[in-house]
């Protein structure tokens, strides 16, 4: 009894939530991954909410720690048990949530949209979906929206405990389900690289988006709200929204359809081998996965009319150079691909850092190191920086021009394809990372 009395009357227990955060020196932010909240693309951490909270913490001399969750249910439970200080993930302020949690001042607004495929692209009323198959993410504002609107009388809509919104939208695009509901801000991102999506009905007026906190965290809300108001008045949140578009995958519709198809049909079989080789050779397995997709669409038996073959589509000469005896053997092909990539990367000047170093190595992997050097020479001749991929990528296509090529040491080459090759791989890597962070596969399950 005395021990309990000491615990509940101790100075720590009397401290406010904000005092406790200042005492420990960091804010623990929990979220689901999204470009709007938090996303680690392997090179940097991005996301509107993450950037805002980084600035808030810097202002108060705190560090920011992030914990990601695969479902809203897990996120909310962590907040309720005070395992995290603040929850995000582009969360809507709803009546149901307000019964159990505190919200900060709104820092964004969105709407609930119907997301469907071509067959329902012209509908005007939700009643037209009575025979359609729908799904929404569980413990989401979209599930609450349907519960608050029984007049829709939707017979075949279910709440999914496991699938992320990304997964549901992908299922809509493939017509595995007919519709889902989604935050309009998130849909505006996904529809730029997932084909076959239609949003014929806006279901709600503007809904406030805010951070969510434990009910006893009013002191933290009191400090966050002035910061939110300040950043809004300065137009900083709108600036972050504009900047985030640069991270949206750049990929044409045809490539997206094929990639998403093989991501579910072929990648699960190839992934354990990619992971095994990458772990043994200390290589980024997402990059290796992206290169192998670009090379062969994850087909170990691929062969081209020019004689390159296997998962990494090695030429006979390249295979011999890196000691590969059987190009159709998955492990040998992957090991050979890593070895050949490193052979190219080792030639790149040490002063060139990431991500340019990887992009240059990929270009050399595709077009040859000599031709890459020619492009860097052209870049320098034109007053640009030969150590930046962004600049060199502008001049690689000049290798296709006979007039330019005759002034260069290694002559004509397909520089245009090399640029597309590099940009595709970086996009596929980002999509693989995105899918991984959405909790769509289990790391433990991919080890052979």
Protein backbone atom coordinates (compact mmCIF):
# COMPACT_ATOMS: atom_id res chain seq x y z
CA UNK A 1 0.00 0.00 0.00
CA UNK A 2 2.80 2.39 0.87
CA UNK A 3 4.54 1.60 -2.44
CA UNK A 4 1.36 2.34 -4.40
CA UNK A 5 0.88 5.58 -2.51
CA UNK A 6 4.42 6.67 -3.34
CA UNK A 7 3.90 5.85 -7.00
CA UNK A 8 0.69 7.81 -7.37
CA UNK A 9 1.94 10.80 -5.37
CA UNK A 10 5.38 10.99 -6.97
CA UNK A 11 6.43 14.18 -8.84
CA UNK A 12 6.55 12.16 -12.12
CA UNK A 13 2.87 11.23 -11.83
CA UNK A 14 1.93 14.86 -11.24
CA UNK A 15 3.76 16.06 -14.33
CA UNK A 16 1.73 16.98 -17.38
CA UNK A 17 2.07 15.05 -20.63
CA UNK A 18 4.12 17.89 -22.11
CA UNK A 19 6.44 18.01 -19.08
CA UNK A 20 7.06 14.26 -19.45
CA UNK A 21 7.96 14.68 -23.13
CA UNK A 22 10.40 17.48 -22.32
CA UNK A 23 11.93 15.38 -19.56
CA UNK A 24 12.59 12.37 -21.80
CA UNK A 25 13.77 14.60 -24.68
CA UNK A 26 11.77 13.20 -27.57
CA UNK A 27 8.29 12.96 -29.08
CA UNK A 28 7.16 9.49 -30.18
CA UNK A 29 4.97 9.72 -33.28
CA UNK A 30 2.96 6.69 -34.43
CA UNK A 31 1.53 6.48 -37.93
CA UNK A 32 0.71 4.36 -40.93
CA UNK A 33 3.04 4.96 -43.86
CA UNK A 34 2.00 7.45 -46.51
CA UNK A 35 3.54 10.32 -48.43
CA UNK A 36 1.11 12.50 -46.49
CA UNK A 37 2.36 11.26 -43.11
CA UNK A 38 5.67 9.37 -43.09
CA UNK A 39 7.60 7.31 -45.61
CA UNK A 40 11.19 6.06 -45.55
CA UNK A 41 12.24 5.57 -49.16
CA UNK A 42 15.61 4.14 -48.17
CA UNK A 43 17.46 7.37 -48.89
CA UNK A 44 15.52 9.89 -46.83
CA UNK A 45 12.49 10.17 -44.60
CA UNK A 46 9.64 12.19 -46.06
CA UNK A 47 5.97 12.95 -45.40
CA UNK A 48 4.06 16.13 -44.60
CA UNK A 49 3.26 15.20 -41.00
CA UNK A 50 6.80 13.99 -40.39
CA UNK A 51 8.30 17.23 -41.71
CA UNK A 52 5.96 19.31 -39.57
CA UNK A 53 6.69 17.35 -36.41
CA UNK A 54 10.45 17.52 -37.10
CA UNK A 55 10.16 21.31 -37.16
CA UNK A 56 8.01 21.32 -34.04
CA UNK A 57 10.52 19.17 -32.16
CA UNK A 58 13.47 21.28 -33.30
CA UNK A 59 11.66 24.38 -32.06
CA UNK A 60 11.40 22.83 -28.59
CA UNK A 61 14.79 21.11 -28.45
CA UNK A 62 13.35 17.61 -28.86
CA UNK A 63 14.17 14.72 -31.13
CA UNK A 64 11.43 12.94 -33.11
CA UNK A 65 11.06 9.17 -33.00
CA UNK A 66 8.70 7.34 -35.36
CA UNK A 67 6.93 4.01 -35.03
CA UNK A 68 4.90 2.69 -37.95
CA UNK A 69 1.84 0.45 -37.72
CA UNK A 70 0.25 -1.82 -40.31
CA UNK A 71 -3.35 -1.18 -39.18
CA UNK A 72 -5.36 1.63 -37.61
CA UNK A 73 -6.43 -0.76 -34.88
CA UNK A 74 -2.84 -1.35 -33.76
CA UNK A 75 -2.10 2.38 -34.00
CA UNK A 76 -5.07 3.36 -31.86
CA UNK A 77 -4.34 0.68 -29.27
CA UNK A 78 -0.77 1.96 -28.95
CA UNK A 79 -2.07 5.47 -28.40
CA UNK A 80 -4.62 4.35 -25.83
CA UNK A 81 -1.96 2.47 -23.86
CA UNK A 82 0.38 5.50 -24.14
CA UNK A 83 3.06 3.54 -26.01
CA UNK A 84 3.19 6.54 -28.36
CA UNK A 85 2.67 10.25 -27.67
CA UNK A 86 0.80 11.22 -30.81
CA UNK A 87 -0.94 9.39 -33.68
CA UNK A 88 -1.06 10.48 -37.29
CA UNK A 89 -1.55 9.09 -40.75
CA UNK A 90 -3.89 11.73 -42.20
CA UNK A 91 -6.52 10.99 -39.55
CA UNK A 92 -9.98 12.52 -39.90
CA UNK A 93 -11.69 14.11 -36.93
CA UNK A 94 -14.87 12.06 -36.43
CA UNK A 95 -17.54 12.07 -33.72
CA UNK A 96 -16.71 8.49 -32.74
CA UNK A 97 -13.00 9.19 -32.38
CA UNK A 98 -13.66 12.33 -30.36
CA UNK A 99 -15.45 10.22 -27.75
CA UNK A 100 -12.17 8.44 -26.93
CA UNK A 101 -9.34 10.73 -28.00
CA UNK A 102 -8.16 14.34 -28.15
CA UNK A 103 -7.41 16.07 -31.44
CA UNK A 104 -5.15 18.98 -32.24
CA UNK A 105 -6.29 21.89 -34.32
CA UNK A 106 -6.87 20.76 -37.92
CA UNK A 107 -3.90 21.23 -40.26
CA UNK A 108 -5.52 19.89 -43.44
CA UNK A 109 -8.87 19.01 -44.97
CA UNK A 110 -10.08 16.22 -47.20
CA UNK A 111 -13.25 14.46 -48.38
CA UNK A 112 -14.51 10.90 -48.55
CA UNK A 113 -14.55 9.70 -52.16
CA UNK A 114 -16.02 6.61 -53.77
CA UNK A 115 -13.23 4.80 -55.65
CA UNK A 116 -14.36 2.34 -58.31
CA UNK A 117 -13.42 0.90 -61.70
CA UNK A 118 -14.60 1.42 -65.28
CA UNK A 119 -17.85 -0.53 -64.92
CA UNK A 120 -19.19 1.94 -62.34
CA UNK A 121 -17.46 5.10 -63.51
CA UNK A 122 -20.71 6.91 -64.43
CA UNK A 123 -22.87 6.12 -61.40
CA UNK A 124 -24.55 9.00 -59.58
CA UNK A 125 -25.95 7.33 -56.44
CA UNK A 126 -24.53 4.85 -53.94
CA UNK A 127 -27.70 2.75 -54.32
CA UNK A 128 -26.36 1.67 -57.72
CA UNK A 129 -23.72 -0.36 -55.82
CA UNK A 130 -26.18 -2.59 -53.98
CA UNK A 131 -25.11 -5.66 -55.96
CA UNK A 132 -21.43 -4.67 -56.15
CA UNK A 133 -18.61 -6.01 -53.97
CA UNK A 134 -17.00 -3.40 -51.73
CA UNK A 135 -14.40 -3.22 -48.99
CA UNK A 136 -13.11 -0.53 -46.64
CA UNK A 137 -10.23 -0.53 -44.19
CA UNK A 138 -11.35 -1.39 -40.67
CA UNK A 139 -11.15 1.19 -37.86
CA UNK A 140 -11.04 3.91 -40.51
CA UNK A 141 -13.12 7.04 -40.94
CA UNK A 142 -14.44 5.42 -44.13
CA UNK A 143 -15.89 2.52 -42.12
CA UNK A 144 -17.43 5.03 -39.71
CA UNK A 145 -18.88 6.93 -42.66
CA UNK A 146 -20.74 3.85 -43.89
CA UNK A 147 -21.99 3.09 -40.40
CA UNK A 148 -23.33 6.63 -40.14
CA UNK A 149 -25.18 6.29 -43.47
CA UNK A 150 -27.37 3.15 -43.27
CA UNK A 151 -29.59 4.63 -45.98
CA UNK A 152 -27.04 3.48 -48.57
CA UNK A 153 -28.19 -0.09 -47.83
CA UNK A 154 -25.01 -1.62 -49.28
CA UNK A 155 -25.38 -5.39 -49.07
CA UNK A 156 -21.89 -6.58 -50.01
CA UNK A 157 -19.42 -4.27 -48.33
CA UNK A 158 -17.00 -5.52 -45.66
CA UNK A 159 -14.43 -4.00 -43.36
CA UNK A 160 -10.97 -5.50 -43.96
CA UNK A 161 -8.77 -5.96 -40.89
CA UNK A 162 -5.58 -6.66 -42.82
CA UNK A 163 -5.50 -4.83 -46.15
CA UNK A 164 -4.17 -1.28 -46.37
CA UNK A 165 -5.89 1.35 -48.48
CA UNK A 166 -3.12 0.86 -51.05
CA UNK A 167 -4.07 -2.83 -51.27
CA UNK A 168 -7.78 -2.09 -51.59
CA UNK A 169 -7.24 0.51 -54.30
CA UNK A 170 -5.01 -1.92 -56.18
CA UNK A 171 -7.80 -4.54 -55.90
CA UNK A 172 -10.26 -2.03 -57.37
CA UNK A 173 -7.94 -1.35 -60.30
CA UNK A 174 -7.77 -5.11 -61.03
CA UNK A 175 -11.56 -5.48 -60.52
CA UNK A 176 -11.02 -7.94 -57.67
CA UNK A 177 -13.47 -5.73 -55.77
CA UNK A 178 -15.81 -3.12 -57.22
CA UNK A 179 -15.26 -0.21 -54.88
CA UNK A 180 -13.80 1.22 -51.72
CA UNK A 181 -13.97 4.55 -49.92
CA UNK A 182 -10.89 6.68 -49.57
CA UNK A 183 -9.52 10.00 -48.47
CA UNK A 184 -9.47 12.27 -51.53
CA UNK A 185 -5.94 13.52 -50.75
CA UNK A 186 -4.58 9.98 -50.74
CA UNK A 187 -6.52 8.98 -53.86
CA UNK A 188 -5.04 11.95 -55.71
CA UNK A 189 -1.60 10.39 -55.13
CA UNK A 190 -2.45 6.77 -55.94
CA UNK A 191 -4.38 7.54 -59.13
CA UNK A 192 -1.24 9.04 -60.66
CA UNK A 193 0.41 5.63 -60.91
CA UNK A 194 -2.36 3.05 -60.42
CA UNK A 195 -4.49 2.85 -63.57
CA UNK A 196 -8.21 2.18 -63.91
CA UNK A 197 -9.43 4.23 -60.94
CA UNK A 198 -12.55 6.42 -61.03
CA UNK A 199 -14.04 8.69 -58.36
CA UNK A 200 -17.57 9.44 -59.62
CA UNK A 201 -19.02 10.52 -56.25
CA UNK A 202 -17.70 12.81 -53.54
CA UNK A 203 -19.50 11.48 -50.48
CA UNK A 204 -18.74 14.08 -47.85
CA UNK A 205 -18.06 17.78 -47.48
CA UNK A 206 -14.63 18.80 -46.22
CA UNK A 207 -13.44 16.83 -43.20
CA UNK A 208 -10.77 18.17 -40.83
CA UNK A 209 -7.46 16.29 -40.60
CA UNK A 210 -5.46 16.47 -37.37
CA UNK A 211 -3.18 14.62 -34.99
CA UNK A 212 -4.82 12.42 -32.39
CA UNK A 213 -3.71 12.09 -28.77
CA UNK A 214 -4.56 10.26 -25.57
CA UNK A 215 -7.41 11.92 -23.59
CA UNK A 216 -5.04 13.06 -20.82
CA UNK A 217 -2.73 14.90 -23.24
CA UNK A 218 -4.34 18.34 -23.26
CA UNK A 219 -1.03 19.94 -22.26
CA UNK A 220 0.58 18.57 -25.44
CA UNK A 221 -2.33 19.81 -27.58
CA UNK A 222 -1.94 23.24 -26.00
CA UNK A 223 1.65 23.43 -27.29
CA UNK A 224 0.96 21.90 -30.71
CA UNK A 225 -1.98 24.14 -31.64
CA UNK A 226 -0.05 27.45 -31.76
CA UNK A 227 2.61 25.75 -33.90
CA UNK A 228 -0.04 24.46 -36.33
CA UNK A 229 -1.60 27.90 -36.60
CA UNK A 230 1.80 29.49 -37.20
CA UNK A 231 2.74 27.08 -40.00
CA UNK A 232 -0.67 27.49 -41.65
CA UNK A 233 -0.45 31.28 -41.60
CA UNK A 234 3.04 31.11 -43.10
CA UNK A 235 1.76 28.89 -45.93
CA UNK A 236 4.27 26.22 -44.98
CA UNK A 237 1.82 23.31 -45.07
CA UNK A 238 0.80 24.17 -48.65
CA UNK A 239 4.48 24.31 -49.62
CA UNK A 240 5.04 20.82 -48.21
CA UNK A 241 2.04 19.54 -50.19
CA UNK A 242 3.54 20.87 -53.40
CA UNK A 243 6.97 19.42 -52.64
CA UNK A 244 5.58 15.95 -51.93
CA UNK A 245 4.45 15.55 -55.54
CA UNK A 246 8.09 15.13 -56.56
CA UNK A 247 8.12 11.78 -54.73
CA UNK A 248 5.13 10.33 -56.58
CA UNK A 249 6.31 7.42 -58.75
CA UNK A 250 6.88 8.39 -62.38
CA UNK A 251 5.77 5.44 -64.45
CA UNK A 252 3.47 5.06 -67.42
CA UNK A 253 0.17 3.22 -67.22
CA UNK A 254 1.23 0.15 -69.19
CA UNK A 255 4.28 -0.37 -67.00
CA UNK A 256 2.21 0.06 -63.85
CA UNK A 257 -0.31 -2.60 -64.88
CA UNK A 258 2.45 -5.13 -65.56
CA UNK A 259 4.41 -4.27 -62.44
CA UNK A 260 1.40 -4.59 -60.12
CA UNK A 261 0.45 -7.87 -61.76
CA UNK A 262 3.91 -9.41 -61.33
CA UNK A 263 4.28 -7.92 -57.86
CA UNK A 264 1.56 -10.32 -56.74
CA UNK A 265 2.13 -13.24 -59.10
CA UNK A 266 5.92 -13.50 -59.53
CA UNK A 267 7.61 -11.46 -56.80
CA UNK A 268 6.61 -13.77 -53.89
CA UNK A 269 8.55 -16.62 -55.54
CA UNK A 270 11.60 -14.53 -56.45
CA UNK A 271 11.75 -12.47 -53.25
CA UNK A 272 13.34 -15.13 -50.96
CA UNK A 273 16.19 -15.63 -53.43
CA UNK A 274 16.72 -11.89 -53.81
CA UNK A 275 16.77 -11.47 -50.04
CA UNK A 276 19.19 -14.38 -49.57
CA UNK A 277 21.70 -13.06 -52.09
CA UNK A 278 21.38 -9.45 -50.93
CA UNK A 279 21.91 -10.41 -47.29
CA UNK A 280 24.94 -12.57 -48.06
CA UNK A 281 26.50 -9.94 -50.35
CA UNK A 282 25.55 -6.95 -48.18
CA UNK A 283 23.45 -5.38 -50.93
CA UNK A 284 20.15 -3.46 -50.86
CA UNK A 285 17.59 -6.18 -51.56
CA UNK A 286 14.96 -3.70 -52.74
CA UNK A 287 17.40 -2.32 -55.29
CA UNK A 288 18.26 -5.86 -56.38
CA UNK A 289 14.55 -6.65 -56.65
CA UNK A 290 13.98 -3.55 -58.77
CA UNK A 291 16.92 -4.29 -61.10
CA UNK A 292 15.81 -7.89 -61.59
CA UNK A 293 12.28 -6.72 -62.41
CA UNK A 294 13.54 -4.16 -64.93
CA UNK A 295 15.79 -6.76 -66.53
CA UNK A 296 13.49 -9.77 -66.80
CA UNK A 297 10.13 -8.97 -65.16
CA UNK A 298 11.19 -11.58 -62.55
CA UNK A 299 11.32 -14.35 -65.15
CA UNK A 300 14.35 -16.63 -64.46
CA UNK A 301 14.02 -18.17 -67.92
CA UNK A 302 13.92 -14.89 -69.83
CA UNK A 303 16.02 -14.71 -72.99
CA UNK A 304 16.34 -11.96 -75.58
CA UNK A 305 17.05 -12.17 -79.31
CA UNK A 306 20.50 -10.72 -78.58
CA UNK A 307 21.43 -13.63 -76.31
CA UNK A 308 21.17 -12.07 -72.85
CA UNK A 309 19.34 -14.37 -70.48
CA UNK A 310 18.28 -15.13 -66.94
CA UNK A 311 16.78 -13.13 -64.11
CA UNK A 312 19.42 -10.39 -64.43
CA UNK A 313 19.70 -10.74 -68.23
CA UNK A 314 23.48 -11.02 -68.26
CA UNK A 315 25.41 -11.14 -71.50
CA UNK A 316 27.76 -14.09 -71.90
CA UNK A 317 30.71 -11.72 -71.62
CA UNK A 318 29.41 -10.09 -68.42
CA UNK A 319 28.64 -13.51 -66.95
CA UNK A 320 32.18 -14.72 -67.68
CA UNK A 321 33.65 -11.54 -66.17
CA UNK A 322 31.88 -12.14 -62.84
CA UNK A 323 32.24 -15.93 -62.75
CA UNK A 324 28.67 -16.97 -63.59
CA UNK A 325 28.55 -20.39 -65.24
CA UNK A 326 24.78 -20.82 -65.57
CA UNK A 327 22.92 -17.59 -66.35
CA UNK A 328 19.53 -19.30 -65.93
CA UNK A 329 20.30 -20.30 -62.33
CA UNK A 330 18.46 -17.79 -60.12
CA UNK A 331 21.12 -17.50 -57.43
CA UNK A 332 24.03 -17.35 -59.87
CA UNK A 333 22.22 -14.72 -61.94
CA UNK A 334 21.50 -12.54 -58.91
CA UNK A 335 25.05 -12.91 -57.60
CA UNK A 336 26.41 -12.07 -61.03
CA UNK A 337 24.17 -9.02 -61.26
CA UNK A 338 25.37 -7.71 -57.90
CA UNK A 339 29.00 -8.35 -58.84
CA UNK A 340 28.62 -6.60 -62.20
CA UNK A 341 26.83 -3.64 -60.61
CA UNK A 342 29.66 -3.29 -58.08
CA UNK A 343 32.21 -3.53 -60.88
CA UNK A 344 30.57 -0.48 -62.46
CA UNK A 345 30.18 1.34 -59.12
CA UNK A 346 33.86 0.84 -58.26
CA UNK A 347 34.85 2.85 -61.34
CA UNK A 348 32.84 5.89 -60.30
CA UNK A 349 34.90 8.65 -58.63
CA UNK A 350 34.81 8.50 -54.84
CA UNK A 351 33.66 12.11 -54.58
CA UNK A 352 30.25 11.20 -56.02
CA UNK A 353 27.80 10.38 -53.25
CA UNK A 354 24.32 8.86 -53.07
CA UNK A 355 21.86 8.66 -54.71
CA UNK A 356 23.86 9.82 -57.76
CA UNK A 357 26.42 7.05 -57.31
CA UNK A 358 23.78 4.32 -57.57
CA UNK A 359 22.13 6.04 -60.55
CA UNK A 360 25.46 6.30 -62.39
CA UNK A 361 26.23 2.65 -61.66
CA UNK A 362 22.84 1.63 -63.03
CA UNK A 363 23.40 3.66 -66.19
CA UNK A 364 26.82 2.03 -66.64
CA UNK A 365 25.25 -1.40 -66.01
CA UNK A 366 22.90 -0.70 -68.91
CA UNK A 367 24.91 1.24 -71.47
CA UNK A 368 28.51 0.56 -70.42
CA UNK A 369 30.88 2.61 -68.29
CA UNK A 370 32.68 4.13 -71.26
CA UNK A 371 29.46 5.55 -72.67
CA UNK A 372 28.50 6.90 -69.25
CA UNK A 373 31.84 8.73 -69.15
CA UNK A 374 31.12 10.15 -72.62
CA UNK A 375 27.83 11.53 -71.32
CA UNK A 376 29.61 13.09 -68.35
CA UNK A 377 32.08 14.72 -70.75
CA UNK A 378 29.15 16.17 -72.73
CA UNK A 379 27.58 17.39 -69.51
CA UNK A 380 30.74 19.24 -68.53
CA UNK A 381 31.14 20.72 -72.02
CA UNK A 382 27.70 22.25 -71.64
CA UNK A 383 28.43 23.88 -68.32
CA UNK A 384 26.53 21.40 -66.15
CA UNK A 385 27.73 19.23 -63.27
CA UNK A 386 29.09 15.84 -64.46
CA UNK A 387 28.79 14.49 -60.91
CA UNK A 388 25.01 14.93 -60.71
CA UNK A 389 22.66 12.38 -62.26
CA UNK A 390 20.05 15.08 -62.80
CA UNK A 391 22.45 16.90 -65.13
CA UNK A 392 24.04 13.88 -66.81
CA UNK A 393 20.62 12.37 -67.59
CA UNK A 394 19.96 15.39 -69.82
CA UNK A 395 22.94 14.54 -72.04
CA UNK A 396 22.88 10.74 -72.14
CA UNK A 397 20.28 10.86 -74.96
CA UNK A 398 22.85 12.77 -77.05
CA UNK A 399 24.75 9.49 -77.40
CA UNK A 400 21.99 8.48 -79.84
CA UNK A 401 22.91 11.44 -82.05
CA UNK A 402 25.62 10.54 -84.64
CA UNK A 403 26.79 14.16 -84.79
CA UNK A 404 27.43 14.30 -81.03
CA UNK A 405 28.70 10.72 -80.84
CA UNK A 406 31.49 11.28 -83.35
CA UNK A 407 33.08 13.81 -80.98
CA UNK A 408 33.19 11.27 -78.14
CA UNK A 409 35.67 8.51 -77.34
CA UNK A 410 33.23 5.59 -77.38
CA UNK A 411 30.87 6.67 -80.16
CA UNK A 412 27.16 5.91 -80.60
CA UNK A 413 25.11 4.32 -77.82
CA UNK A 414 21.50 4.12 -76.70
CA UNK A 415 21.62 6.76 -73.98
CA UNK A 416 17.88 7.38 -74.17
CA UNK A 417 17.16 3.84 -73.01
CA UNK A 418 19.77 4.16 -70.25
CA UNK A 419 17.93 7.14 -68.77
CA UNK A 420 14.59 5.29 -68.85
CA UNK A 421 16.33 2.22 -67.38
CA UNK A 422 17.66 4.13 -64.37
CA UNK A 423 14.47 6.06 -63.70
CA UNK A 424 12.35 2.89 -63.94
CA UNK A 425 14.53 1.03 -61.46
CA UNK A 426 14.43 3.88 -58.94
CA UNK A 427 10.63 3.94 -59.31
CA UNK A 428 10.28 0.17 -58.91
CA UNK A 429 12.48 0.31 -55.82
CA UNK A 430 10.24 3.02 -54.36
CA UNK A 431 7.11 0.98 -55.08
CA UNK A 432 8.65 -2.12 -53.48
CA UNK A 433 9.60 -0.02 -50.46
CA UNK A 434 6.11 1.43 -50.34
CA UNK A 435 4.55 -2.04 -50.43
CA UNK A 436 6.95 -3.29 -47.75
CA UNK A 437 6.11 -0.40 -45.43
CA UNK A 438 2.40 -0.96 -45.97
CA UNK A 439 2.92 -4.25 -44.17
CA UNK A 440 2.03 -6.31 -47.23
CA UNK A 441 4.69 -8.90 -46.61
CA UNK A 442 6.44 -10.25 -43.57
CA UNK A 443 10.21 -9.87 -43.41
CA UNK A 444 10.53 -13.15 -41.52
CA UNK A 445 8.61 -14.95 -44.24
CA UNK A 446 11.03 -14.02 -46.99
CA UNK A 447 14.05 -15.72 -45.50
CA UNK A 448 14.55 -19.10 -47.23
